[in-house]
Amino acid sequence: MDDSIFELSASWWCLAFVCALVVGMSKCGLAGLGTVAVPLMAMVLPAKASTGVMLPVLIIGDAMGVAHFNRHANWKLLMKLMPPALAGIVIGFWLMKQPWLDDRIIRKSIGVIVLILCFITMLRSKYNFSFGESNGTDFTTVSVAIVFGIIAGVTTMVANAAGPITMIYLLAMKLPKDEFIGTSAWYFIVLNWIKVPFMINLGLINPESLCFDFKLAPAILVGGILGIILTGYLSEKSYKIWVQVLTILAALKLLF
């Protein structure tokens, strides 16, 4: 990796700090914002390099989310999602080694999938059909969990873009606000740590990229505090609407 890519002008540093701030906010309550940060960082750095830089940023944000919402995680749900997601990470690692991999195709495919899932979720709310039990705490269709897990694993490895996929799944489970955030935080901190050795193998995480991440850490912490404060003002209903809107916007951003 060319170290000169980290020599940024003041304006590009400002955008990098905004990305870190947004990640902190998304990991501590304002779910969906994180996916907006991914394409923004890709404007600051080359696409593949930005993927490696974003991973430690996401992990710091995940740690803040886990620290504040850890007691609310739905472990039964997590145990169903983790194994297929790990398989998806391995598939994503293999894809990243392929010379024919087109980042634009991947992002557009993710955007289309998320919009379709958003449409299904809205139909589900209107006509009251469900993927699982009516209380949203169990998941009766294991095959659906496997599909979501694999897609999330592949997309998080290739483009750090599993957020919208996971948000749609958790919305379908009708989790309470704090349980939604806690489950998401644990899910992503585990997946993101698993990705670290793969990213090191690809040369996308190195001393220079970690030094760049270290400079962004204060913005992540500030964003996390803002996310916790703002989430506290949102009701259960308004929070779910917020997540749906941000998820749709994130999907559209991936498309365009």
Foldseek 3Di string as FASTA:
>chain_A
DDLCLLVDDPVLVVLLLVLLLQLLLCLQALFLSNLVSLVSLCVSGPQLLSLLLVLVSNLLSLVLLCVVLVVLALVQLLVLQPPLLVVLQVVLLVLVPDPVDDLLVLLLVVLVVLVVLLVVLVVCVVVVDAQDDPQLSDGPDSVVSNVLNNNLNNCCNNRVNSRSSLLSVSVRSVRFRSNSSNNVSVNVNVSSVVSVVSCVVVVSDDPSSVVSSVVSSVSSVNSNVVSNVVNVPDHRVRSNVSNSVSSNVSSVVSND
